Amino acid sequence: MPYIQNEKRKDYDQLVAQLVRKLCDEEEDNVLGILNYFIYATLLRYLHKKGYRYHRIASLLGTLECCKQEFYRRVGGWYEDMAIERNGDIPIRERKELPPMWKWYSGRLAERK
């Protein structure tokens, strides 16, 4: 993620490397729970030190959502593209008409104009 200046990344990269080393020593079944705990505990301790405010909680939730989307965009989507190349895509048959629900909805949209 290019949102942190290189100088600051070095400090945090060391912490990330420590966490990854510890995670790799764990049983596979425990890793997701540990990651969940680590993220939750980090956010909770941050709020405890900085103060519980609505805007801060909402911003942290937004950050988690952006992180989720960034992970999917960079890793999940890439993995799915590789699987499509390897296994082929799901065939989609062309529709000549809109399904009944979409006909109704598009008619309603036209009425509003």
N, C-alpha and C. Protein backbone atom coordinates (compact mmCIF):
# COMPACT_ATOMS: atom_id res chain seq x y z
N MET A 1 0.84 -1.18 0.00
CA MET A 1 0.00 0.00 0.00
C MET A 1 0.88 1.24 0.00
N PRO A 2 0.66 2.10 -0.91
CA PRO A 2 1.54 3.27 -1.05
C PRO A 2 1.12 4.44 -0.17
N TYR A 3 0.33 4.19 0.87
CA TYR A 3 -0.23 5.29 1.65
C TYR A 3 0.68 5.74 2.78
N ILE A 4 1.74 4.99 3.04
CA ILE A 4 2.67 5.31 4.11
C ILE A 4 4.03 5.62 3.48
N GLN A 5 4.65 6.70 3.94
CA GLN A 5 5.96 7.06 3.40
C GLN A 5 6.97 5.97 3.73
N ASN A 6 7.93 5.80 2.83
CA ASN A 6 8.93 4.73 2.96
C ASN A 6 9.63 4.76 4.32
N GLU A 7 9.94 5.94 4.84
CA GLU A 7 10.65 6.03 6.11
C GLU A 7 9.83 5.39 7.24
N LYS A 8 8.52 5.64 7.23
CA LYS A 8 7.65 5.10 8.27
C LYS A 8 7.40 3.61 8.06
N ARG A 9 7.37 3.17 6.81
CA ARG A 9 7.11 1.75 6.52
C ARG A 9 8.13 0.86 7.20
N LYS A 10 9.39 1.29 7.22
CA LYS A 10 10.46 0.46 7.79
C LYS A 10 10.16 0.08 9.23
N ASP A 11 9.69 1.03 10.02
CA ASP A 11 9.36 0.74 11.42
C ASP A 11 8.23 -0.28 11.52
N TYR A 12 7.20 -0.08 10.73
CA TYR A 12 6.05 -0.98 10.81
C TYR A 12 6.33 -2.32 10.14
N ASP A 13 7.17 -2.33 9.12
CA ASP A 13 7.52 -3.60 8.47
C ASP A 13 8.21 -4.54 9.45
N GLN A 14 8.97 -4.00 10.37
CA GLN A 14 9.60 -4.85 11.38
C GLN A 14 8.56 -5.52 12.27
N LEU A 15 7.55 -4.76 12.66
CA LEU A 15 6.47 -5.33 13.47
C LEU A 15 5.70 -6.39 12.70
N VAL A 16 5.43 -6.10 11.43
CA VAL A 16 4.71 -7.06 10.59
C VAL A 16 5.53 -8.34 10.44
N ALA A 17 6.83 -8.21 10.22
CA ALA A 17 7.70 -9.38 10.08
C ALA A 17 7.68 -10.23 11.35
N GLN A 18 7.68 -9.59 12.51
CA GLN A 18 7.60 -10.33 13.77
C GLN A 18 6.29 -11.11 13.87
N LEU A 19 5.19 -10.45 13.53
CA LEU A 19 3.89 -11.10 13.59
C LEU A 19 3.83 -12.28 12.62
N VAL A 20 4.32 -12.09 11.42
CA VAL A 20 4.29 -13.16 10.41
C VAL A 20 5.12 -14.35 10.87
N ARG A 21 6.29 -14.09 11.46
CA ARG A 21 7.11 -15.20 11.98
C ARG A 21 6.34 -15.99 13.03
N LYS A 22 5.68 -15.29 13.94
CA LYS A 22 4.91 -15.96 14.97
C LYS A 22 3.74 -16.73 14.37
N LEU A 23 3.05 -16.13 13.39
CA LEU A 23 1.92 -16.81 12.75
C LEU A 23 2.36 -18.08 12.04
N CYS A 24 3.52 -18.02 11.40
CA CYS A 24 4.02 -19.19 10.66
C CYS A 24 4.41 -20.33 11.60
N ASP A 25 4.67 -20.03 12.86
CA ASP A 25 4.98 -21.07 13.85
C ASP A 25 3.72 -21.70 14.43
N GLU A 26 2.57 -21.10 14.18
CA GLU A 26 1.31 -21.60 14.74
C GLU A 26 0.72 -22.72 13.88
N GLU A 27 -0.18 -23.47 14.51
CA GLU A 27 -0.97 -24.44 13.75
C GLU A 27 -1.88 -23.67 12.80
N GLU A 28 -2.06 -24.19 11.61
CA GLU A 28 -2.87 -23.52 10.59
C GLU A 28 -4.26 -23.17 11.11
N ASP A 29 -4.87 -24.05 11.90
CA ASP A 29 -6.22 -23.82 12.41
C ASP A 29 -6.31 -22.63 13.36
N ASN A 30 -5.18 -22.22 13.94
CA ASN A 30 -5.19 -21.13 14.90
C ASN A 30 -4.94 -19.76 14.28
N VAL A 31 -4.43 -19.72 13.06
CA VAL A 31 -3.95 -18.46 12.47
C VAL A 31 -5.06 -17.42 12.31
N LEU A 32 -6.21 -17.82 11.82
CA LEU A 32 -7.28 -16.84 11.59
C LEU A 32 -7.76 -16.23 12.91
N GLY A 33 -7.89 -17.05 13.93
CA GLY A 33 -8.29 -16.54 15.24
C GLY A 33 -7.25 -15.58 15.81
N ILE A 34 -5.98 -15.90 15.61
CA ILE A 34 -4.92 -15.03 16.12
C ILE A 34 -4.91 -13.71 15.36
N LEU A 35 -5.08 -13.76 14.03
CA LEU A 35 -5.15 -12.52 13.25
C LEU A 35 -6.33 -11.66 13.70
N ASN A 36 -7.48 -12.31 13.89
CA ASN A 36 -8.67 -11.61 14.35
C ASN A 36 -8.39 -10.95 15.70
N TYR A 37 -7.80 -11.69 16.61
CA TYR A 37 -7.46 -11.15 17.93
C TYR A 37 -6.49 -9.98 17.81
N PHE A 38 -5.45 -10.13 17.00
CA PHE A 38 -4.45 -9.09 16.86
C PHE A 38 -5.05 -7.79 16.33
N ILE A 39 -5.85 -7.91 15.29
CA ILE A 39 -6.48 -6.71 14.70
C ILE A 39 -7.43 -6.07 15.71
N TYR A 40 -8.28 -6.88 16.33
CA TYR A 40 -9.25 -6.35 17.30
C TYR A 40 -8.55 -5.71 18.49
N ALA A 41 -7.56 -6.40 19.05
CA ALA A 41 -6.85 -5.88 20.21
C ALA A 41 -6.11 -4.58 19.88
N THR A 42 -5.54 -4.52 18.67
CA THR A 42 -4.84 -3.29 18.25
C THR A 42 -5.81 -2.12 18.18
N LEU A 43 -6.95 -2.33 17.56
CA LEU A 43 -7.94 -1.26 17.44
C LEU A 43 -8.47 -0.85 18.81
N LEU A 44 -8.75 -1.84 19.64
CA LEU A 44 -9.30 -1.55 20.96
C LEU A 44 -8.30 -0.77 21.82
N ARG A 45 -7.05 -1.17 21.80
CA ARG A 45 -6.03 -0.48 22.59
C ARG A 45 -5.79 0.94 22.06
N TYR A 46 -5.85 1.08 20.73
CA TYR A 46 -5.72 2.42 20.14
C TYR A 46 -6.85 3.33 20.63
N LEU A 47 -8.09 2.81 20.59
CA LEU A 47 -9.23 3.60 21.06
C LEU A 47 -9.10 3.92 22.54
N HIS A 48 -8.64 2.97 23.32
CA HIS A 48 -8.51 3.19 24.75
C HIS A 48 -7.52 4.32 25.04
N LYS A 49 -6.44 4.37 24.28
CA LYS A 49 -5.43 5.42 24.48
C LYS A 49 -5.87 6.76 23.89
N LYS A 50 -6.48 6.75 22.71
CA LYS A 50 -6.86 8.00 22.03
C LYS A 50 -8.22 8.52 22.47
N GLY A 51 -9.07 7.64 22.96
CA GLY A 51 -10.41 8.03 23.37
C GLY A 51 -11.47 7.47 22.43
N TYR A 52 -12.58 7.07 23.04
CA TYR A 52 -13.69 6.52 22.27
C TYR A 52 -14.55 7.66 21.75
N ARG A 53 -14.50 7.86 20.45
CA ARG A 53 -15.30 8.89 19.78
C ARG A 53 -15.96 8.26 18.56
N TYR A 54 -17.16 8.71 18.27
CA TYR A 54 -17.88 8.14 17.13
C TYR A 54 -17.07 8.24 15.85
N HIS A 55 -16.53 9.42 15.57
CA HIS A 55 -15.80 9.63 14.31
C HIS A 55 -14.58 8.71 14.23
N ARG A 56 -13.95 8.45 15.37
CA ARG A 56 -12.77 7.59 15.39
C ARG A 56 -13.17 6.14 15.13
N ILE A 57 -14.24 5.70 15.77
CA ILE A 57 -14.72 4.33 15.57
C ILE A 57 -15.16 4.15 14.12
N ALA A 58 -15.91 5.11 13.59
CA ALA A 58 -16.37 5.03 12.20
C ALA A 58 -15.18 5.03 11.24
N SER A 59 -14.18 5.84 11.52
CA SER A 59 -13.00 5.87 10.65
C SER A 59 -12.25 4.54 10.68
N LEU A 60 -12.14 3.94 11.84
CA LEU A 60 -11.48 2.63 11.94
C LEU A 60 -12.26 1.56 11.19
N LEU A 61 -13.58 1.60 11.30
CA LEU A 61 -14.40 0.64 10.54
C LEU A 61 -14.22 0.85 9.04
N GLY A 62 -14.16 2.10 8.61
CA GLY A 62 -13.92 2.39 7.20
C GLY A 62 -12.56 1.90 6.75
N THR A 63 -11.57 2.04 7.62
CA THR A 63 -10.23 1.56 7.30
C THR A 63 -10.21 0.05 7.14
N LEU A 64 -10.92 -0.66 8.03
CA LEU A 64 -11.01 -2.12 7.90
C LEU A 64 -11.67 -2.51 6.58
N GLU A 65 -12.71 -1.80 6.21
CA GLU A 65 -13.40 -2.09 4.94
C GLU A 65 -12.47 -1.83 3.76
N CYS A 66 -11.74 -0.73 3.80
CA CYS A 66 -10.80 -0.43 2.71
C CYS A 66 -9.69 -1.48 2.64
N CYS A 67 -9.22 -1.93 3.78
CA CYS A 67 -8.20 -2.97 3.82
C CYS A 67 -8.74 -4.26 3.19
N LYS A 68 -9.98 -4.60 3.54
CA LYS A 68 -10.62 -5.80 2.97
C LYS A 68 -10.70 -5.68 1.45
N GLN A 69 -11.15 -4.52 0.99
CA GLN A 69 -11.28 -4.34 -0.45
C GLN A 69 -9.92 -4.33 -1.15
N GLU A 70 -8.92 -3.73 -0.54
CA GLU A 70 -7.58 -3.71 -1.11
C GLU A 70 -7.01 -5.12 -1.20
N PHE A 71 -7.25 -5.91 -0.15
CA PHE A 71 -6.78 -7.30 -0.15
C PHE A 71 -7.44 -8.09 -1.27
N TYR A 72 -8.75 -7.91 -1.43
CA TYR A 72 -9.43 -8.62 -2.51
C TYR A 72 -8.94 -8.14 -3.88
N ARG A 73 -8.81 -6.83 -4.02
CA ARG A 73 -8.40 -6.26 -5.32
C ARG A 73 -7.02 -6.76 -5.73
N ARG A 74 -6.10 -6.81 -4.78
CA ARG A 74 -4.73 -7.18 -5.11
C ARG A 74 -4.45 -8.68 -5.03
N VAL A 75 -5.14 -9.39 -4.15
CA VAL A 75 -4.84 -10.81 -3.95
C VAL A 75 -5.99 -11.70 -4.43
N GLY A 76 -7.19 -11.46 -3.93
CA GLY A 76 -8.33 -12.31 -4.28
C GLY A 76 -8.64 -12.28 -5.77
N GLY A 77 -8.70 -11.09 -6.35
CA GLY A 77 -8.99 -10.96 -7.78
C GLY A 77 -7.91 -11.59 -8.63
N TRP A 78 -6.65 -11.37 -8.24
CA TRP A 78 -5.52 -11.96 -8.96
C TRP A 78 -5.62 -13.49 -8.93
N TYR A 79 -5.94 -14.04 -7.74
CA TYR A 79 -6.04 -15.50 -7.61
C TYR A 79 -7.18 -16.04 -8.45
N GLU A 80 -8.32 -15.34 -8.45
CA GLU A 80 -9.45 -15.77 -9.27
C GLU A 80 -9.11 -15.73 -10.76
N ASP A 81 -8.41 -14.69 -11.20
CA ASP A 81 -7.99 -14.60 -12.60
C ASP A 81 -7.09 -15.77 -12.98
N MET A 82 -6.18 -16.14 -12.07
CA MET A 82 -5.30 -17.29 -12.35
C MET A 82 -6.12 -18.58 -12.44
N ALA A 83 -7.12 -18.73 -11.56
CA ALA A 83 -7.96 -19.93 -11.59
C ALA A 83 -8.79 -19.98 -12.88
N ILE A 84 -9.24 -18.83 -13.36
CA ILE A 84 -9.99 -18.79 -14.62
C ILE A 84 -9.09 -19.21 -15.77
N GLU A 85 -7.85 -18.73 -15.77
CA GLU A 85 -6.91 -19.13 -16.83
C GLU A 85 -6.64 -20.62 -16.78
N ARG A 86 -6.49 -21.15 -15.59
CA ARG A 86 -6.16 -22.56 -15.42
C ARG A 86 -7.36 -23.47 -15.71
N ASN A 87 -8.55 -23.09 -15.24
CA ASN A 87 -9.71 -23.98 -15.29
C ASN A 87 -10.79 -23.55 -16.28
N GLY A 88 -10.64 -22.37 -16.85
CA GLY A 88 -11.68 -21.85 -17.75
C GLY A 88 -12.73 -21.08 -16.97
N ASP A 89 -13.37 -20.16 -17.65
CA ASP A 89 -14.37 -19.31 -17.02
C ASP A 89 -15.71 -20.04 -16.97
N ILE A 90 -16.62 -19.50 -16.21
CA ILE A 90 -17.99 -20.03 -16.16
C ILE A 90 -18.70 -19.54 -17.40
N PRO A 91 -19.27 -20.46 -18.19
CA PRO A 91 -19.96 -20.01 -19.40
C PRO A 91 -21.23 -19.22 -19.05
N ILE A 92 -21.39 -18.12 -19.72
CA ILE A 92 -22.57 -17.28 -19.50
C ILE A 92 -23.34 -17.25 -20.81
N ARG A 93 -24.57 -17.70 -20.77
CA ARG A 93 -25.34 -17.66 -22.01
C ARG A 93 -25.95 -16.27 -22.18
N GLU A 94 -26.00 -15.86 -23.39
CA GLU A 94 -26.53 -14.52 -23.66
C GLU A 94 -28.04 -14.53 -23.49
N ARG A 95 -28.55 -13.44 -22.94
CA ARG A 95 -29.99 -13.29 -22.80
C ARG A 95 -30.47 -12.32 -23.85
N LYS A 96 -31.52 -12.68 -24.51
CA LYS A 96 -32.09 -11.79 -25.52
C LYS A 96 -33.06 -10.81 -24.88
N GLU A 97 -33.61 -11.19 -23.73
CA GLU A 97 -34.56 -10.32 -23.04
C GLU A 97 -34.13 -10.16 -21.59
N LEU A 98 -34.58 -9.07 -21.00
CA LEU A 98 -34.34 -8.88 -19.58
C LEU A 98 -35.27 -9.81 -18.79
N PRO A 99 -34.83 -10.31 -17.65
CA PRO A 99 -35.74 -11.08 -16.80
C PRO A 99 -36.91 -10.21 -16.36
N PRO A 100 -38.05 -10.79 -16.00
CA PRO A 100 -39.24 -10.01 -15.65
C PRO A 100 -38.98 -8.92 -14.61
N MET A 101 -38.21 -9.21 -13.60
CA MET A 101 -37.94 -8.21 -12.56
C MET A 101 -37.26 -6.99 -13.16
N TRP A 102 -36.30 -7.20 -14.05
CA TRP A 102 -35.56 -6.08 -14.62
C TRP A 102 -36.43 -5.29 -15.59
N LYS A 103 -37.35 -5.97 -16.26
CA LYS A 103 -38.29 -5.24 -17.12
C LYS A 103 -39.12 -4.27 -16.28
N TRP A 104 -39.63 -4.78 -15.16
CA TRP A 104 -40.43 -3.93 -14.28
C TRP A 104 -39.59 -2.77 -13.76
N TYR A 105 -38.37 -3.06 -13.28
CA TYR A 105 -37.52 -2.03 -12.70
C TYR A 105 -37.13 -0.98 -13.73
N SER A 106 -36.72 -1.42 -14.92
CA SER A 106 -36.32 -0.44 -15.94
C SER A 106 -37.52 0.40 -16.37
N GLY A 107 -38.71 -0.17 -16.36
CA GLY A 107 -39.92 0.61 -16.66
C GLY A 107 -40.16 1.68 -15.62
N ARG A 108 -39.94 1.32 -14.35
CA ARG A 108 -40.12 2.28 -13.26
C ARG A 108 -39.11 3.42 -13.36
N LEU A 109 -37.88 3.08 -13.76
CA LEU A 109 -36.86 4.12 -13.93
C LEU A 109 -37.26 5.08 -15.06
N ALA A 110 -37.79 4.53 -16.14
CA ALA A 110 -38.19 5.36 -17.27
C ALA A 110 -39.33 6.31 -16.85
N GLU A 111 -40.23 5.85 -15.99
CA GLU A 111 -41.34 6.68 -15.51
C GLU A 111 -40.84 7.89 -14.73
N ARG A 112 -39.74 7.73 -14.02
CA ARG A 112 -39.23 8.82 -13.18
C ARG A 112 -38.61 9.94 -14.00
N LYS A 113 -38.20 9.65 -15.21
CA LYS A 113 -37.53 10.68 -16.03
C LYS A 113 -38.47 11.62 -16.62
